[in-house]
Amino acid sequence: MILGAMLSPGHIILILAVVLLLFGGKKIPELMKGLGQGVKEFKNASKGEVDSKEESKPTEEKN
């Protein structure tokens, strides 16, 4: 089953409330900043793999 189909808006609000209670209001921006940096690094790494594959193709064709 798709996770989005199983979660209603009420479930999402409940999950957000629990996260707020567990981490507090001051920690959430720090967690989101870390999450954003992690996603950014992941995107850069995946682009690097694509770029390195593209760079290796012309060298293979020259041989």
PDB file of N, CA and C in Angstrom:
ATOM      1  N   MET A   1       0.835  -1.195   0.000  1.00  0.00           N
ATOM      2  CA  MET A   1       0.000   0.000   0.000  1.00  0.00           C
ATOM      3  C   MET A   1       0.873   1.249   0.000  1.00  0.00           C
ATOM      4  N   ILE A   2       0.365   2.286  -0.578  1.00  0.00           N
ATOM      5  CA  ILE A   2       1.078   3.555  -0.622  1.00  0.00           C
ATOM      6  C   ILE A   2       0.871   4.257   0.710  1.00  0.00           C
ATOM      7  N   LEU A   3       1.980   4.773   1.265  1.00  0.00           N
ATOM      8  CA  LEU A   3       1.924   5.409   2.574  1.00  0.00           C
ATOM      9  C   LEU A   3       0.997   6.623   2.569  1.00  0.00           C
ATOM     10  N   GLY A   4       1.006   7.407   1.498  1.00  0.00           N
ATOM     11  CA  GLY A   4       0.160   8.597   1.411  1.00  0.00           C
ATOM     12  C   GLY A   4      -1.320   8.259   1.471  1.00  0.00           C
ATOM     13  N   ALA A   5      -1.702   7.091   0.966  1.00  0.00           N
ATOM     14  CA  ALA A   5      -3.100   6.695   0.972  1.00  0.00           C
ATOM     15  C   ALA A   5      -3.545   6.274   2.366  1.00  0.00           C
ATOM     16  N   MET A   6      -2.599   5.855   3.189  1.00  0.00           N
ATOM     17  CA  MET A   6      -2.937   5.379   4.526  1.00  0.00           C
ATOM     18  C   MET A   6      -3.016   6.512   5.543  1.00  0.00           C
ATOM     19  N   LEU A   7      -2.365   7.648   5.261  1.00  0.00           N
ATOM     20  CA  LEU A   7      -2.333   8.751   6.206  1.00  0.00           C
ATOM     21  C   LEU A   7      -3.368   9.806   5.842  1.00  0.00           C
ATOM     22  N   SER A   8      -4.271  10.041   6.768  1.00  0.00           N
ATOM     23  CA  SER A   8      -5.235  11.124   6.576  1.00  0.00           C
ATOM     24  C   SER A   8      -4.644  12.400   7.173  1.00  0.00           C
ATOM     25  N   PRO A   9      -5.234  13.548   6.911  1.00  0.00           N
ATOM     26  CA  PRO A   9      -4.729  14.788   7.508  1.00  0.00           C
ATOM     27  C   PRO A   9      -4.709  14.741   9.038  1.00  0.00           C
ATOM     28  N   GLY A  10      -5.643  14.040   9.619  1.00  0.00           N
ATOM     29  CA  GLY A  10      -5.654  13.896  11.078  1.00  0.00           C
ATOM     30  C   GLY A  10      -4.443  13.141  11.586  1.00  0.00           C
ATOM     31  N   HIS A  11      -4.037  12.103  10.854  1.00  0.00           N
ATOM     32  CA  HIS A  11      -2.845  11.344  11.236  1.00  0.00           C
ATOM     33  C   HIS A  11      -1.591  12.208  11.156  1.00  0.00           C
ATOM     34  N   ILE A  12      -1.507  12.997  10.121  1.00  0.00           N
ATOM     35  CA  ILE A  12      -0.331  13.857   9.942  1.00  0.00           C
ATOM     36  C   ILE A  12      -0.251  14.881  11.066  1.00  0.00           C
ATOM     37  N   ILE A  13      -1.384  15.465  11.444  1.00  0.00           N
ATOM     38  CA  ILE A  13      -1.409  16.438  12.547  1.00  0.00           C
ATOM     39  C   ILE A  13      -0.986  15.766  13.845  1.00  0.00           C
ATOM     40  N   LEU A  14      -1.444  14.562  14.089  1.00  0.00           N
ATOM     41  CA  LEU A  14      -1.068  13.827  15.292  1.00  0.00           C
ATOM     42  C   LEU A  14       0.436  13.551  15.311  1.00  0.00           C
ATOM     43  N   ILE A  15       0.982  13.138  14.193  1.00  0.00           N
ATOM     44  CA  ILE A  15       2.425  12.867  14.116  1.00  0.00           C
ATOM     45  C   ILE A  15       3.222  14.145  14.379  1.00  0.00           C
ATOM     46  N   LEU A  16       2.799  15.264  13.784  1.00  0.00           N
ATOM     47  CA  LEU A  16       3.492  16.530  14.005  1.00  0.00           C
ATOM     48  C   LEU A  16       3.413  16.971  15.464  1.00  0.00           C
ATOM     49  N   ALA A  17       2.281  16.746  16.104  1.00  0.00           N
ATOM     50  CA  ALA A  17       2.135  17.091  17.521  1.00  0.00           C
ATOM     51  C   ALA A  17       3.071  16.256  18.386  1.00  0.00           C
ATOM     52  N   VAL A  18       3.192  14.974  18.087  1.00  0.00           N
ATOM     53  CA  VAL A  18       4.091  14.102  18.848  1.00  0.00           C
ATOM     54  C   VAL A  18       5.540  14.540  18.656  1.00  0.00           C
ATOM     55  N   VAL A  19       5.915  14.875  17.424  1.00  0.00           N
ATOM     56  CA  VAL A  19       7.276  15.347  17.161  1.00  0.00           C
ATOM     57  C   VAL A  19       7.538  16.630  17.931  1.00  0.00           C
ATOM     58  N   LEU A  20       6.578  17.533  17.960  1.00  0.00           N
ATOM     59  CA  LEU A  20       6.729  18.784  18.699  1.00  0.00           C
ATOM     60  C   LEU A  20       6.911  18.520  20.187  1.00  0.00           C
ATOM     61  N   LEU A  21       6.142  17.582  20.732  1.00  0.00           N
ATOM     62  CA  LEU A  21       6.267  17.260  22.149  1.00  0.00           C
ATOM     63  C   LEU A  21       7.608  16.583  22.456  1.00  0.00           C
ATOM     64  N   LEU A  22       8.059  15.723  21.589  1.00  0.00           N
ATOM     65  CA  LEU A  22       9.308  15.000  21.835  1.00  0.00           C
ATOM     66  C   LEU A  22      10.537  15.902  21.733  1.00  0.00           C
ATOM     67  N   PHE A  23      10.595  16.743  20.722  1.00  0.00           N
ATOM     68  CA  PHE A  23      11.798  17.517  20.471  1.00  0.00           C
ATOM     69  C   PHE A  23      11.714  18.957  20.950  1.00  0.00           C
ATOM     70  N   GLY A  24      10.538  19.468  21.165  1.00  0.00           N
ATOM     71  CA  GLY A  24      10.390  20.849  21.597  1.00  0.00           C
ATOM     72  C   GLY A  24      10.506  21.818  20.437  1.00  0.00           C
ATOM     73  N   GLY A  25      10.038  23.010  20.658  1.00  0.00           N
ATOM     74  CA  GLY A  25      10.000  24.012  19.598  1.00  0.00           C
ATOM     75  C   GLY A  25      11.369  24.507  19.170  1.00  0.00           C
ATOM     76  N   LYS A  26      12.356  24.482  20.075  1.00  0.00           N
ATOM     77  CA  LYS A  26      13.673  25.011  19.738  1.00  0.00           C
ATOM     78  C   LYS A  26      14.494  24.042  18.913  1.00  0.00           C
ATOM     79  N   LYS A  27      14.278  22.768  19.078  1.00  0.00           N
ATOM     80  CA  LYS A  27      15.079  21.766  18.370  1.00  0.00           C
ATOM     81  C   LYS A  27      14.594  21.510  16.945  1.00  0.00           C
ATOM     82  N   ILE A  28      13.347  21.746  16.666  1.00  0.00           N
ATOM     83  CA  ILE A  28      12.784  21.414  15.347  1.00  0.00           C
ATOM     84  C   ILE A  28      13.471  22.192  14.214  1.00  0.00           C
ATOM     85  N   PRO A  29      13.715  23.502  14.345  1.00  0.00           N
ATOM     86  CA  PRO A  29      14.435  24.183  13.251  1.00  0.00           C
ATOM     87  C   PRO A  29      15.833  23.608  13.011  1.00  0.00           C
ATOM     88  N   GLU A  30      16.517  23.218  14.088  1.00  0.00           N
ATOM     89  CA  GLU A  30      17.841  22.615  13.939  1.00  0.00           C
ATOM     90  C   GLU A  30      17.746  21.273  13.216  1.00  0.00           C
ATOM     91  N   LEU A  31      16.725  20.492  13.548  1.00  0.00           N
ATOM     92  CA  LEU A  31      16.540  19.200  12.885  1.00  0.00           C
ATOM     93  C   LEU A  31      16.217  19.379  11.412  1.00  0.00           C
ATOM     94  N   MET A  32      15.373  20.354  11.096  1.00  0.00           N
ATOM     95  CA  MET A  32      15.011  20.590   9.699  1.00  0.00           C
ATOM     96  C   MET A  32      16.210  21.113   8.903  1.00  0.00           C
ATOM     97  N   LYS A  33      17.042  21.938   9.540  1.00  0.00           N
ATOM     98  CA  LYS A  33      18.241  22.435   8.871  1.00  0.00           C
ATOM     99  C   LYS A  33      19.177  21.266   8.546  1.00  0.00           C
ATOM    100  N   GLY A  34      19.350  20.375   9.507  1.00  0.00           N
ATOM    101  CA  GLY A  34      20.190  19.199   9.269  1.00  0.00           C
ATOM    102  C   GLY A  34      19.621  18.298   8.191  1.00  0.00           C
ATOM    103  N   LEU A  35      18.308  18.137   8.206  1.00  0.00           N
ATOM    104  CA  LEU A  35      17.656  17.321   7.180  1.00  0.00           C
ATOM    105  C   LEU A  35      17.829  17.951   5.799  1.00  0.00           C
ATOM    106  N   GLY A  36      17.677  19.258   5.722  1.00  0.00           N
ATOM    107  CA  GLY A  36      17.858  19.962   4.451  1.00  0.00           C
ATOM    108  C   GLY A  36      19.275  19.840   3.928  1.00  0.00           C
ATOM    109  N   GLN A  37      20.255  19.937   4.819  1.00  0.00           N
ATOM    110  CA  GLN A  37      21.645  19.793   4.397  1.00  0.00           C
ATOM    111  C   GLN A  37      21.914  18.373   3.917  1.00  0.00           C
ATOM    112  N   GLY A  38      21.325  17.394   4.585  1.00  0.00           N
ATOM    113  CA  GLY A  38      21.495  16.004   4.167  1.00  0.00           C
ATOM    114  C   GLY A  38      20.906  15.746   2.791  1.00  0.00           C
ATOM    115  N   VAL A  39      19.725  16.306   2.540  1.00  0.00           N
ATOM    116  CA  VAL A  39      19.096  16.148   1.226  1.00  0.00           C
ATOM    117  C   VAL A  39      19.935  16.837   0.157  1.00  0.00           C
ATOM    118  N   LYS A  40      20.463  18.016   0.479  1.00  0.00           N
ATOM    119  CA  LYS A  40      21.295  18.750  -0.473  1.00  0.00           C
ATOM    120  C   LYS A  40      22.555  17.960  -0.811  1.00  0.00           C
ATOM    121  N   GLU A  41      23.202  17.369   0.202  1.00  0.00           N
ATOM    122  CA  GLU A  41      24.399  16.565  -0.038  1.00  0.00           C
ATOM    123  C   GLU A  41      24.067  15.332  -0.869  1.00  0.00           C
ATOM    124  N   PHE A  42      22.916  14.727  -0.595  1.00  0.00           N
ATOM    125  CA  PHE A  42      22.506  13.555  -1.362  1.00  0.00           C
ATOM    126  C   PHE A  42      22.300  13.909  -2.827  1.00  0.00           C
ATOM    127  N   LYS A  43      21.640  15.042  -3.081  1.00  0.00           N
ATOM    128  CA  LYS A  43      21.416  15.469  -4.465  1.00  0.00           C
ATOM    129  C   LYS A  43      22.742  15.741  -5.162  1.00  0.00           C
ATOM    130  N   ASN A  44      23.658  16.413  -4.459  1.00  0.00           N
ATOM    131  CA  ASN A  44      24.960  16.704  -5.050  1.00  0.00           C
ATOM    132  C   ASN A  44      25.720  15.416  -5.343  1.00  0.00           C
ATOM    133  N   ALA A  45      25.645  14.457  -4.447  1.00  0.00           N
ATOM    134  CA  ALA A  45      26.343  13.191  -4.658  1.00  0.00           C
ATOM    135  C   ALA A  45      25.739  12.431  -5.833  1.00  0.00           C
ATOM    136  N   SER A  46      24.419  12.438  -5.937  1.00  0.00           N
ATOM    137  CA  SER A  46      23.797  11.727  -7.053  1.00  0.00           C
ATOM    138  C   SER A  46      24.094  12.420  -8.380  1.00  0.00           C
ATOM    139  N   LYS A  47      24.178  13.741  -8.373  1.00  0.00           N
ATOM    140  CA  LYS A  47      24.559  14.466  -9.595  1.00  0.00           C
ATOM    141  C   LYS A  47      26.005  14.157  -9.945  1.00  0.00           C
ATOM    142  N   GLY A  48      26.855  14.006  -8.948  1.00  0.00           N
ATOM    143  CA  GLY A  48      28.257  13.680  -9.190  1.00  0.00           C
ATOM    144  C   GLY A  48      28.396  12.320  -9.841  1.00  0.00           C
ATOM    145  N   GLU A  49      27.574  11.355  -9.436  1.00  0.00           N
ATOM    146  CA  GLU A  49      27.627  10.035 -10.048  1.00  0.00           C
ATOM    147  C   GLU A  49      27.171  10.106 -11.495  1.00  0.00           C
ATOM    148  N   VAL A  50      26.136  10.883 -11.764  1.00  0.00           N
ATOM    149  CA  VAL A  50      25.636  11.025 -13.130  1.00  0.00           C
ATOM    150  C   VAL A  50      26.697  11.710 -13.979  1.00  0.00           C
ATOM    151  N   ASP A  51      27.327  12.769 -13.435  1.00  0.00           N
ATOM    152  CA  ASP A  51      28.358  13.484 -14.183  1.00  0.00           C
ATOM    153  C   ASP A  51      29.548  12.574 -14.461  1.00  0.00           C
ATOM    154  N   SER A  52      29.953  11.775 -13.484  1.00  0.00           N
ATOM    155  CA  SER A  52      31.101  10.906 -13.703  1.00  0.00           C
ATOM    156  C   SER A  52      30.776   9.832 -14.734  1.00  0.00           C
ATOM    157  N   LYS A  53      29.533   9.364 -14.779  1.00  0.00           N
ATOM    158  CA  LYS A  53      29.137   8.388 -15.797  1.00  0.00           C
ATOM    159  C   LYS A  53      29.161   9.028 -17.174  1.00  0.00           C
ATOM    160  N   GLU A  54      28.701  10.283 -17.261  1.00  0.00           N
ATOM    161  CA  GLU A  54      28.692  10.982 -18.541  1.00  0.00           C
ATOM    162  C   GLU A  54      30.116  11.253 -19.013  1.00  0.00           C
ATOM    163  N   GLU A  55      31.021  11.549 -18.082  1.00  0.00           N
ATOM    164  CA  GLU A  55      32.407  11.813 -18.445  1.00  0.00           C
ATOM    165  C   GLU A  55      33.105  10.537 -18.904  1.00  0.00           C
ATOM    166  N   SER A  56      32.723   9.406 -18.342  1.00  0.00           N
ATOM    167  CA  SER A  56      33.394   8.160 -18.694  1.00  0.00           C
ATOM    168  C   SER A  56      32.933   7.643 -20.059  1.00  0.00           C
ATOM    169  N   LYS A  57      31.749   7.982 -20.498  1.00  0.00           N
ATOM    170  CA  LYS A  57      31.243   7.509 -21.788  1.00  0.00           C
ATOM    171  C   LYS A  57      32.082   8.020 -22.963  1.00  0.00           C
ATOM    172  N   PRO A  58      32.397   9.313 -23.034  1.00  0.00           N
ATOM    173  CA  PRO A  58      33.206   9.772 -24.171  1.00  0.00           C
ATOM    174  C   PRO A  58      34.594   9.134 -24.203  1.00  0.00           C
ATOM    175  N   THR A  59      35.202   8.882 -23.054  1.00  0.00           N
ATOM    176  CA  THR A  59      36.504   8.248 -23.057  1.00  0.00           C
ATOM    177  C   THR A  59      36.433   6.814 -23.542  1.00  0.00           C
ATOM    178  N   GLU A  60      35.316   6.148 -23.236  1.00  0.00           N
ATOM    179  CA  GLU A  60      35.135   4.783 -23.704  1.00  0.00           C
ATOM    180  C   GLU A  60      34.914   4.768 -25.220  1.00  0.00           C
ATOM    181  N   GLU A  61      34.220   5.781 -25.733  1.00  0.00           N
ATOM    182  CA  GLU A  61      33.945   5.848 -27.159  1.00  0.00           C
ATOM    183  C   GLU A  61      35.211   6.158 -27.952  1.00  0.00           C
ATOM    184  N   LYS A  62      36.132   6.917 -27.361  1.00  0.00           N
ATOM    185  CA  LYS A  62      37.372   7.266 -28.050  1.00  0.00           C
ATOM    186  C   LYS A  62      38.259   6.034 -28.225  1.00  0.00           C
ATOM    187  N   ASN A  63      38.192   5.087 -27.324  1.00  0.00           N
ATOM    188  CA  ASN A  63      39.043   3.893 -27.414  1.00  0.00           C
ATOM    189  C   ASN A  63      38.544   3.061 -28.506  1.00  0.00           C
TER     190      ASN A  63
END
